[in-house]
């Protein structure tokens, strides 16, 4: 497990630790102080995208610029989840990604988003 380099601080830093990573995906532990909303799950997914191994972009600030096909699939019953983030495409400082949020084996939410790096 390793930490993510993010400009966020508590209570807004939801992405806690990288569990697995490579150049196209990341699996990240996310946690909350209260039951999260769908907005908090999306923010955690965006934060988790910093876990994708990308040496040229380490420490660059990212901005969430779009959401697509976001769905809450199950009732929120926990404070801790696993976010799986996959890189769909990249063009210079623009990245398109998809996410899935899990509570153990149960998928809680999924969707796609885009970020622009500063």
Protein backbone atom coordinates (compact mmCIF):
# COMPACT_ATOMS: atom_id res chain seq x y z
CA UNK A 1 0.00 0.00 0.00
CA UNK A 2 1.21 3.50 -0.77
CA UNK A 3 -0.13 7.00 -0.29
CA UNK A 4 -1.48 9.23 -3.03
CA UNK A 5 0.04 12.63 -3.71
CA UNK A 6 -3.01 14.91 -3.58
CA UNK A 7 -3.55 18.56 -2.64
CA UNK A 8 -6.68 17.56 -0.67
CA UNK A 9 -6.85 17.46 3.12
CA UNK A 10 -9.41 16.06 5.54
CA UNK A 11 -12.36 15.99 5.42
CA UNK A 12 -12.23 16.13 1.59
CA UNK A 13 -9.39 13.63 1.01
CA UNK A 14 -11.31 10.40 0.43
CA UNK A 15 -8.66 8.40 -1.45
CA UNK A 16 -6.51 6.86 1.28
CA UNK A 17 -4.05 4.36 -0.22
CA UNK A 18 -3.05 2.77 -3.52
CA UNK A 19 -3.58 -0.99 -3.36
CA UNK A 20 -2.54 -1.77 -6.94
CA UNK A 21 -1.41 0.36 -9.88
CA UNK A 22 0.01 0.33 -13.39
CA UNK A 23 0.07 2.75 -16.33
CA UNK A 24 -3.61 2.16 -17.20
CA UNK A 25 -5.39 1.40 -13.93
CA UNK A 26 -5.41 1.78 -10.17
CA UNK A 27 -7.16 0.13 -7.25
CA UNK A 28 -7.47 2.51 -4.31
CA UNK A 29 -8.86 2.28 -0.78
CA UNK A 30 -11.33 5.09 -0.12
CA UNK A 31 -12.91 6.01 3.21
CA UNK A 32 -15.30 8.53 4.70
CA UNK A 33 -16.21 9.93 8.13
CA UNK A 34 -19.93 9.55 7.29
CA UNK A 35 -22.02 7.66 4.74
CA UNK A 36 -20.97 9.10 1.37
CA UNK A 37 -23.23 10.68 -1.23
CA UNK A 38 -22.91 9.89 -4.94
CA UNK A 39 -20.99 13.18 -5.26
CA UNK A 40 -18.50 12.04 -2.63
CA UNK A 41 -18.05 8.70 -4.46
CA UNK A 42 -17.37 10.57 -7.72
CA UNK A 43 -14.85 12.85 -6.00
CA UNK A 44 -13.10 9.79 -4.52
CA UNK A 45 -12.91 8.24 -8.00
CA UNK A 46 -11.37 11.43 -9.39
CA UNK A 47 -8.87 11.53 -6.52
CA UNK A 48 -8.09 7.84 -7.10
CA UNK A 49 -7.09 8.55 -10.69
CA UNK A 50 -3.89 10.05 -9.24
CA UNK A 51 -2.95 6.47 -8.39
CA UNK A 52 -2.44 5.51 -12.04
CA UNK A 53 1.31 5.27 -12.66
CA UNK A 54 2.18 8.27 -14.80
CA UNK A 55 5.65 9.56 -13.97
CA UNK A 56 5.38 12.68 -16.16
CA UNK A 57 2.29 13.91 -14.30
CA UNK A 58 3.22 13.26 -10.66
CA UNK A 59 2.18 16.18 -8.49
CA UNK A 60 0.15 17.96 -11.20
CA UNK A 61 -3.27 19.16 -10.09
CA UNK A 62 -6.23 17.66 -11.94
CA UNK A 63 -9.65 19.19 -12.49
CA UNK A 64 -12.80 17.12 -12.96
CA UNK A 65 -14.42 18.46 -16.15
CA UNK A 66 -17.14 15.97 -17.11
CA UNK A 67 -19.20 13.02 -15.91
CA UNK A 68 -20.98 10.38 -17.97
CA UNK A 69 -23.24 7.40 -17.22
CA UNK A 70 -22.84 7.72 -13.43
CA UNK A 71 -25.03 5.23 -11.59
CA UNK A 72 -25.57 4.42 -7.94
CA UNK A 73 -26.28 0.67 -8.03
CA UNK A 74 -26.72 -0.25 -4.38
CA UNK A 75 -27.66 1.38 -1.10
CA UNK A 76 -24.72 2.96 0.69
CA UNK A 77 -24.11 1.03 3.92
CA UNK A 78 -20.42 1.50 4.73
CA UNK A 79 -17.69 4.06 5.34
CA UNK A 80 -14.95 2.19 3.41
CA UNK A 81 -14.82 1.13 -0.25
CA UNK A 82 -12.46 0.13 -3.02
CA UNK A 83 -12.28 2.26 -6.17
CA UNK A 84 -11.15 0.66 -9.44
CA UNK A 85 -10.10 3.28 -11.99
CA UNK A 86 -9.25 2.52 -15.63
CA UNK A 87 -7.72 4.90 -18.15
CA UNK A 88 -9.87 4.96 -21.31
CA UNK A 89 -7.89 7.53 -23.30
CA UNK A 90 -5.30 10.25 -22.91
CA UNK A 91 -4.49 13.27 -25.06
CA UNK A 92 -1.78 15.54 -23.67
CA UNK A 93 -3.20 16.85 -20.37
CA UNK A 94 -6.74 15.45 -20.93
CA UNK A 95 -7.67 12.01 -19.55
CA UNK A 96 -10.87 10.03 -19.94
CA UNK A 97 -11.41 7.39 -17.24
CA UNK A 98 -14.01 4.97 -15.98
CA UNK A 99 -14.61 3.95 -12.38
CA UNK A 100 -16.25 1.25 -10.31
CA UNK A 101 -16.75 1.50 -6.54
CA UNK A 102 -16.96 -1.72 -4.53
CA UNK A 103 -17.90 -2.73 -1.00
CA UNK A 104 -16.11 -6.07 -0.83
CA UNK A 105 -17.47 -7.95 -3.90
CA UNK A 106 -20.57 -5.78 -4.32
CA UNK A 107 -20.41 -2.97 -6.92
CA UNK A 108 -21.93 0.19 -5.42
CA UNK A 109 -21.44 2.75 -8.22
CA UNK A 110 -19.92 3.15 -11.65
CA UNK A 111 -19.45 5.73 -14.36
CA UNK A 112 -17.00 7.70 -16.46
CA UNK A 113 -15.32 11.03 -16.00
CA UNK A 114 -12.73 13.27 -17.59
CA UNK A 115 -10.00 15.31 -15.98
CA UNK A 116 -7.65 17.99 -17.24
CA UNK A 117 -4.23 18.29 -15.63
CA UNK A 118 -2.90 21.73 -14.80
